[in-house]
Amino acid sequence: MIQVGIIGGTGYTGLELLRLLANHPEVEVASITSREQAGHPVCSLFPSLEGHYDLKFKAPEIANLGHCDIVFSAAPNGIAMNFAPRLLDMGVRFIDLSADFRLRDVNTWEHWYGMTHACPELLDQAVYGLTEINRDQLPTARLVANPGCYPTVVQLGFLPLLEGKHVEPDSLIADVKSGVSGAGRKAELALLFSETSDSLRAYGVSGHRHLPEILQGLALATPDKVDMVFTPHLIPMNRGIHATLYARLNDMNQDTSVETLTEIYAKRYAAEPFIRVMPAGSHPDVRSVRGSNSCRMALHRPQDGRIITILAVEDNLVKGAAGQAIQNMNVMIGHDETTGLDNLALVP
């Protein structure tokens, strides 16, 4: 059995890791940390896990994690970078669900996250864990930077168009809406029920910290400069992301039909167990992926014009966080990447 540790086990992604790993036949959660909950049973905080875990939270100390084979960090930004160097030196493989290792350039990271990076020398060593792109690098990876929820759905939605040079790479627009759990499990005025219910609002319009991560990933798909307008929104539901993505067909592909482009997507993702390319003109909805590790997408060409619209949906806590982290872990340890992740969406 693979011995797993979790740093920051009281947030939504930590809980989601526990929920999914409870059904993983090759994994035992050996340690889970929380500064505030140390000494308390996990099931006293999360009754839904009763009968699956007989664990108590431990203090977030290296001594409580060094015996693990793999450690997930589900803590806020700025925490994982203080644990990673010591755990890696001890031979522990590390999967970070925060943003600490996602960006290659330390100056860019410090600009967007507003703090000094504790171990910039590790940025080049981290494998960016978008499994569908970097699967071949994962078996030997010691440090994996799990992508953000927005970057996952946006990159998966745009990549086939950029890889095939079908669109103008400086024409990209991403209009993305996320459930409230994407903001984390914390008490904050803007996240209260009465503040979010029956409402919809954009945020980070002038610049969101996931933008450089998305651009970094998309730039690897084309030699041309990529530019994108990215506007995230908060919508009054617990979990899920709906991305409406726009790109302009270039001169060489201006007559390409949406059916042909859909076939290109279907071929690109044919071997991907968690990506569902729907027929052209379909409308994927968030509830069709809720609780699952799936990303569903469909293409449209409004008025037969040169703008291609991609609709893509995912569960921000699963494919956008914990599920993708487990998918990466499965590849790292040589198991089928669907192990423990074959649960169906929760409908209704």
Protein backbone atom coordinates (compact mmCIF):
# COMPACT_ATOMS: atom_id res chain seq x y z
CA MET A 1 0.00 0.00 0.00
CA ILE A 2 1.16 3.52 -0.81
CA GLN A 3 1.40 5.60 2.37
CA VAL A 4 -0.04 9.07 1.77
CA GLY A 5 0.09 12.24 3.82
CA ILE A 6 -2.01 15.38 3.45
CA ILE A 7 -0.96 18.85 4.55
CA GLY A 8 -3.91 21.11 5.21
CA GLY A 9 -6.64 18.56 5.64
CA THR A 10 -9.48 20.82 6.79
CA GLY A 11 -10.18 22.72 3.56
CA TYR A 12 -12.43 21.68 0.70
CA THR A 13 -9.60 20.19 -1.36
CA GLY A 14 -8.29 18.30 1.66
CA LEU A 15 -11.76 16.89 2.28
CA GLU A 16 -12.09 15.99 -1.40
CA LEU A 17 -8.78 14.15 -1.29
CA LEU A 18 -10.06 12.15 1.68
CA ARG A 19 -13.38 11.41 -0.03
CA LEU A 20 -11.73 10.12 -3.19
CA LEU A 21 -8.83 8.29 -1.54
CA ALA A 22 -11.28 6.38 0.68
CA ASN A 23 -12.13 4.28 -2.38
CA HIS A 24 -8.57 3.91 -3.68
CA PRO A 25 -7.53 0.25 -3.36
CA GLU A 26 -3.78 0.93 -3.35
CA VAL A 27 -3.56 3.88 -0.95
CA GLU A 28 -3.65 4.33 2.81
CA VAL A 29 -3.89 7.83 4.23
CA ALA A 30 -1.29 7.58 6.99
CA SER A 31 -1.14 11.19 8.16
CA ILE A 32 -3.19 14.35 7.83
CA THR A 33 -2.28 17.69 9.35
CA SER A 34 -4.04 20.73 10.69
CA ARG A 35 -2.64 23.31 13.05
CA GLU A 36 -6.03 24.18 14.55
CA GLN A 37 -7.51 20.66 14.63
CA ALA A 38 -4.43 18.75 15.81
CA GLY A 39 -5.49 15.92 18.13
CA HIS A 40 -9.10 15.87 16.97
CA PRO A 41 -10.55 12.95 14.97
CA VAL A 42 -10.99 13.62 11.28
CA CYS A 43 -14.55 12.28 11.40
CA SER A 44 -15.53 14.73 14.12
CA LEU A 45 -14.97 17.53 11.62
CA PHE A 46 -16.20 15.61 8.57
CA PRO A 47 -18.95 13.15 9.63
CA SER A 48 -19.39 12.07 6.00
CA LEU A 49 -16.10 10.16 6.34
CA GLU A 50 -17.21 8.14 9.36
CA GLY A 51 -16.48 4.46 8.91
CA HIS A 52 -13.76 5.14 6.37
CA TYR A 53 -11.06 6.76 8.48
CA ASP A 54 -9.80 6.26 12.00
CA LEU A 55 -7.38 9.18 11.90
CA LYS A 56 -6.68 12.18 14.04
CA PHE A 57 -5.29 15.43 12.72
CA LYS A 58 -1.63 15.96 13.54
CA ALA A 59 0.45 19.10 13.82
CA PRO A 60 1.91 20.20 10.45
CA GLU A 61 5.46 19.06 11.16
CA ILE A 62 7.97 17.17 9.05
CA ALA A 63 8.13 14.43 11.69
CA ASN A 64 4.48 13.63 11.00
CA LEU A 65 4.98 13.36 7.23
CA GLY A 66 8.47 12.01 6.57
CA HIS A 67 7.38 8.35 6.71
CA CYS A 68 4.96 8.80 3.78
CA ASP A 69 5.62 7.76 0.18
CA ILE A 70 3.68 10.70 -1.24
CA VAL A 71 2.49 13.89 0.40
CA PHE A 72 -0.27 16.09 -0.98
CA SER A 73 -0.33 19.72 0.08
CA ALA A 74 -3.86 21.13 0.12
CA ALA A 75 -2.82 24.15 2.17
CA PRO A 76 -3.09 27.79 1.01
CA ASN A 77 -0.46 29.38 -1.20
CA GLY A 78 2.86 29.89 0.54
CA ILE A 79 2.76 26.78 2.74
CA ALA A 80 3.94 23.98 0.46
CA MET A 81 7.18 25.73 -0.45
CA ASN A 82 8.24 25.53 3.20
CA PHE A 83 7.70 21.76 3.34
CA ALA A 84 8.79 20.61 -0.11
CA PRO A 85 12.61 20.91 0.17
CA ARG A 86 12.86 18.91 3.40
CA LEU A 87 10.39 16.22 2.31
CA LEU A 88 12.08 15.81 -1.06
CA ASP A 89 15.44 15.42 0.70
CA MET A 90 13.86 12.60 2.71
CA GLY A 91 12.76 10.83 -0.47
CA VAL A 92 9.09 11.76 -0.17
CA ARG A 93 7.35 12.61 -3.44
CA PHE A 94 5.32 15.79 -3.27
CA ILE A 95 2.12 16.91 -5.04
CA ASP A 96 1.21 20.53 -4.39
CA LEU A 97 -2.38 21.61 -4.98
CA SER A 98 -1.57 25.27 -4.30
CA ALA A 99 0.20 27.62 -6.71
CA ASP A 100 3.66 27.47 -5.12
CA PHE A 101 5.34 25.59 -7.98
CA ARG A 102 3.13 26.28 -11.00
CA LEU A 103 5.06 29.19 -12.52
CA ARG A 104 8.57 28.78 -13.91
CA ASP A 105 9.67 32.37 -13.42
CA VAL A 106 10.17 33.34 -9.78
CA ASN A 107 9.75 37.07 -10.47
CA THR A 108 6.40 36.44 -12.11
CA TRP A 109 5.34 34.24 -9.20
CA GLU A 110 6.34 36.80 -6.57
CA HIS A 111 4.58 39.58 -8.49
CA TRP A 112 1.26 37.74 -8.66
CA TYR A 113 1.33 36.09 -5.23
CA GLY A 114 2.82 38.97 -3.27
CA MET A 115 5.44 37.06 -1.27
CA THR A 116 9.03 35.90 -1.52
CA HIS A 117 9.40 32.34 -2.78
CA ALA A 118 11.12 30.13 -0.22
CA CYS A 119 12.74 27.69 -2.69
CA PRO A 120 12.91 29.14 -6.23
CA GLU A 121 15.52 26.53 -7.14
CA LEU A 122 12.74 23.93 -7.22
CA LEU A 123 10.56 25.72 -9.78
CA ASP A 124 12.42 24.19 -12.73
CA GLN A 125 12.23 20.73 -11.18
CA ALA A 126 8.46 20.74 -10.72
CA VAL A 127 6.39 18.88 -13.31
CA TYR A 128 3.24 20.79 -14.19
CA GLY A 129 0.53 18.25 -13.47
CA LEU A 130 -1.90 18.73 -16.30
CA THR A 131 -1.95 14.99 -16.85
CA GLU A 132 -3.19 15.15 -20.43
CA ILE A 133 -0.13 17.18 -21.42
CA ASN A 134 2.72 16.01 -19.18
CA ARG A 135 1.79 12.38 -18.54
CA ASP A 136 5.19 11.13 -19.78
CA GLN A 137 7.05 13.22 -17.19
CA LEU A 138 5.05 12.04 -14.18
CA PRO A 139 6.51 8.54 -13.57
CA THR A 140 9.89 10.04 -12.63
CA ALA A 141 8.57 13.24 -11.05
CA ARG A 142 9.55 14.03 -7.47
CA LEU A 143 7.61 17.30 -7.29
CA VAL A 144 4.31 17.92 -9.09
CA ALA A 145 2.58 21.27 -9.37
CA ASN A 146 -1.12 20.50 -9.65
CA PRO A 147 -2.82 23.03 -11.97
CA GLY A 148 -5.39 25.52 -10.77
CA CYS A 149 -9.08 24.90 -11.43
CA TYR A 150 -9.44 27.72 -13.96
CA PRO A 151 -6.19 26.87 -15.80
CA THR A 152 -7.23 23.24 -16.15
CA VAL A 153 -10.49 23.87 -17.98
CA VAL A 154 -9.20 26.81 -20.04
CA GLN A 155 -6.08 25.01 -21.24
CA LEU A 156 -7.92 21.81 -22.09
CA GLY A 157 -10.50 23.87 -23.97
CA PHE A 158 -8.02 25.83 -26.12
CA LEU A 159 -5.14 23.39 -26.65
CA PRO A 160 -6.36 21.48 -29.74
CA LEU A 161 -7.00 24.73 -31.61
CA LEU A 162 -3.56 26.08 -30.80
CA GLU A 163 -1.71 22.82 -31.40
CA GLY A 164 -3.27 22.53 -34.85
CA LYS A 165 -2.69 26.23 -35.67
CA HIS A 166 -6.38 26.72 -36.41
CA VAL A 167 -6.85 30.06 -34.63
CA GLU A 168 -5.15 33.39 -34.06
CA PRO A 169 -3.38 32.82 -30.72
CA ASP A 170 -3.70 36.48 -29.72
CA SER A 171 -7.49 36.41 -30.07
CA LEU A 172 -8.38 34.26 -27.05
CA ILE A 173 -11.13 35.15 -24.60
CA ALA A 174 -12.03 33.09 -21.54
CA ASP A 175 -15.27 33.89 -19.73
CA VAL A 176 -15.32 31.46 -16.80
CA LYS A 177 -17.75 30.99 -13.92
CA SER A 178 -16.99 29.11 -10.70
CA GLY A 179 -18.89 27.86 -7.71
CA VAL A 180 -18.17 29.39 -4.30
CA SER A 181 -16.04 26.47 -3.08
CA GLY A 182 -13.34 27.67 -5.45
CA ALA A 183 -12.65 30.49 -2.99
CA GLY A 184 -11.79 28.02 -0.22
CA ARG A 185 -13.28 27.03 3.11
CA LYS A 186 -13.01 30.22 5.09
CA ALA A 187 -15.20 32.82 6.71
CA GLU A 188 -15.32 35.86 4.46
CA LEU A 189 -18.02 38.46 3.96
CA ALA A 190 -18.13 38.19 0.17
CA LEU A 191 -18.66 34.41 0.43
CA LEU A 192 -21.60 34.43 2.82
CA PHE A 193 -24.80 32.83 1.57
CA SER A 194 -26.72 36.10 1.62
CA GLU A 195 -23.92 37.77 -0.36
CA THR A 196 -23.65 35.17 -3.12
CA SER A 197 -27.17 33.78 -3.40
CA ASP A 198 -29.32 35.11 -6.27
CA SER A 199 -26.36 37.02 -7.62
CA LEU A 200 -23.50 36.84 -10.11
CA ARG A 201 -20.36 38.92 -10.16
CA ALA A 202 -17.06 39.12 -11.96
CA TYR A 203 -13.81 39.57 -10.07
CA GLY A 204 -10.12 39.92 -10.89
CA VAL A 205 -11.06 41.53 -14.20
CA SER A 206 -7.93 43.70 -14.38
CA GLY A 207 -5.72 40.69 -13.65
CA HIS A 208 -6.24 37.32 -11.98
CA ARG A 209 -3.31 35.28 -10.63
CA HIS A 210 -4.31 32.28 -12.75
CA LEU A 211 -3.72 34.25 -15.96
CA PRO A 212 0.10 33.80 -16.09
CA GLU A 213 -0.34 30.09 -15.39
CA ILE A 214 -2.76 29.73 -18.30
CA LEU A 215 -0.56 31.74 -20.67
CA GLN A 216 2.52 29.75 -19.63
CA GLY A 217 0.77 26.50 -20.54
CA LEU A 218 -0.81 27.67 -23.78
CA ALA A 219 2.47 29.15 -24.99
CA LEU A 220 3.90 25.64 -25.15
CA ALA A 221 1.29 24.70 -27.75
CA THR A 222 2.28 27.28 -30.38
CA PRO A 223 5.41 29.18 -31.48
CA ASP A 224 3.34 32.36 -31.84
CA LYS A 225 2.60 34.83 -29.05
CA VAL A 226 -0.47 33.92 -27.03
CA ASP A 227 -2.67 36.65 -25.60
CA MET A 228 -5.93 36.23 -23.76
CA VAL A 229 -8.61 38.15 -21.92
CA PHE A 230 -9.57 36.15 -18.84
CA THR A 231 -12.60 37.09 -16.76
CA PRO A 232 -13.59 34.87 -13.81
CA HIS A 233 -17.02 35.06 -12.18
CA LEU A 234 -18.50 33.81 -8.91
CA ILE A 235 -21.86 32.09 -9.18
CA PRO A 236 -24.14 30.88 -6.35
CA MET A 237 -23.50 27.15 -6.40
CA ASN A 238 -21.22 25.01 -4.25
CA ARG A 239 -19.00 23.44 -6.89
CA GLY A 240 -18.38 23.44 -10.60
CA ILE A 241 -16.86 25.56 -13.36
CA HIS A 242 -18.38 26.58 -16.68
CA ALA A 243 -15.99 28.07 -19.23
CA THR A 244 -17.14 29.86 -22.37
CA LEU A 245 -14.05 30.23 -24.53
CA TYR A 246 -13.69 32.22 -27.74
CA ALA A 247 -11.04 32.11 -30.48
CA ARG A 248 -10.87 33.55 -34.01
CA LEU A 249 -10.14 31.17 -36.88
CA ASN A 250 -7.05 32.23 -38.84
CA ASP A 251 -7.06 32.86 -42.60
CA MET A 252 -5.98 29.31 -43.45
CA ASN A 253 -8.85 27.80 -41.48
CA GLN A 254 -11.64 30.32 -41.95
CA ASP A 255 -13.72 27.79 -43.88
CA THR A 256 -13.21 24.90 -41.47
CA SER A 257 -16.55 23.60 -40.26
CA VAL A 258 -17.39 23.17 -36.60
CA GLU A 259 -17.95 19.47 -37.29
CA THR A 260 -14.39 19.13 -38.59
CA LEU A 261 -13.01 20.98 -35.57
CA THR A 262 -15.04 18.74 -33.27
CA GLU A 263 -13.48 15.71 -34.95
CA ILE A 264 -10.05 17.23 -34.29
CA TYR A 265 -10.93 17.57 -30.60
CA ALA A 266 -12.32 14.04 -30.48
CA LYS A 267 -9.12 12.65 -32.01
CA ARG A 268 -6.89 14.74 -29.72
CA TYR A 269 -8.66 13.50 -26.59
CA ALA A 270 -9.66 10.02 -27.77
CA ALA A 271 -7.30 8.27 -25.36
CA GLU A 272 -8.07 10.55 -22.42
CA PRO A 273 -10.28 8.76 -19.89
CA PHE A 274 -11.63 11.92 -18.27
CA ILE A 275 -12.32 14.19 -21.25
CA ARG A 276 -15.63 13.93 -23.08
CA VAL A 277 -15.93 15.72 -26.42
CA MET A 278 -19.63 16.12 -27.16
CA PRO A 279 -21.22 16.50 -30.62
CA ALA A 280 -20.91 19.91 -32.25
CA GLY A 281 -23.54 22.32 -30.98
CA SER A 282 -24.03 20.56 -27.64
CA HIS A 283 -24.36 22.41 -24.36
CA PRO A 284 -22.49 20.68 -21.50
CA ASP A 285 -23.76 21.65 -18.06
CA VAL A 286 -22.00 21.71 -14.73
CA ARG A 287 -24.19 19.12 -13.03
CA SER A 288 -23.09 16.52 -15.60
CA VAL A 289 -19.60 16.53 -14.04
CA ARG A 290 -20.36 17.33 -10.39
CA GLY A 291 -18.40 15.02 -8.10
CA SER A 292 -16.54 13.40 -11.00
CA ASN A 293 -13.08 13.82 -12.52
CA SER A 294 -14.52 14.53 -15.96
CA CYS A 295 -14.20 17.53 -18.22
CA ARG A 296 -16.91 17.79 -20.88
CA MET A 297 -16.70 20.15 -23.83
CA ALA A 298 -18.44 21.08 -27.06
CA LEU A 299 -17.74 23.43 -29.96
CA HIS A 300 -19.96 26.00 -31.65
CA ARG A 301 -19.48 28.35 -34.61
CA PRO A 302 -22.08 31.13 -34.16
CA GLN A 303 -23.61 32.39 -37.41
CA ASP A 304 -20.95 30.41 -39.30
CA GLY A 305 -18.56 33.24 -38.56
CA ARG A 306 -14.85 33.08 -37.76
CA ILE A 307 -15.33 32.95 -34.01
CA ILE A 308 -15.22 29.47 -32.51
CA THR A 309 -16.91 29.08 -29.12
CA ILE A 310 -15.82 26.24 -26.84
CA LEU A 311 -18.02 25.31 -23.88
CA ALA A 312 -16.19 23.33 -21.20
CA VAL A 313 -17.27 22.21 -17.73
CA GLU A 314 -15.54 20.55 -14.79
CA ASP A 315 -15.90 20.11 -11.05
CA ASN A 316 -13.44 22.61 -9.58
CA LEU A 317 -12.79 20.39 -6.54
CA VAL A 318 -12.22 17.19 -8.53
CA LYS A 319 -10.76 17.62 -12.02
CA GLY A 320 -9.82 21.14 -10.98
CA ALA A 321 -8.02 20.02 -7.80
CA ALA A 322 -8.11 16.77 -5.80
CA GLY A 323 -9.17 14.40 -8.59
CA GLN A 324 -6.47 15.61 -10.92
CA ALA A 325 -3.92 15.32 -8.09
CA ILE A 326 -4.90 11.67 -7.60
CA GLN A 327 -4.82 11.14 -11.37
CA ASN A 328 -1.23 12.44 -11.30
CA MET A 329 -0.39 10.22 -8.33
CA ASN A 330 -1.70 7.16 -10.15
CA VAL A 331 0.60 7.82 -13.09
CA MET A 332 3.53 8.52 -10.75
CA ILE A 333 3.19 5.17 -8.98
CA GLY A 334 2.47 3.16 -12.12
CA HIS A 335 -1.23 2.45 -11.59
CA ASP A 336 -4.03 2.93 -14.08
CA GLU A 337 -4.74 6.63 -13.83
CA THR A 338 -8.47 6.04 -13.38
CA THR A 339 -7.95 4.07 -10.13
CA GLY A 340 -10.19 5.49 -7.43
CA LEU A 341 -11.65 8.04 -9.85
CA ASP A 342 -14.33 6.10 -11.67
CA ASN A 343 -17.21 7.57 -9.68
CA LEU A 344 -20.12 8.96 -11.70
CA ALA A 345 -21.38 12.52 -11.54
CA LEU A 346 -23.94 13.41 -8.87
CA VAL A 347 -27.23 14.12 -10.65
CA PRO A 348 -29.39 15.87 -9.65
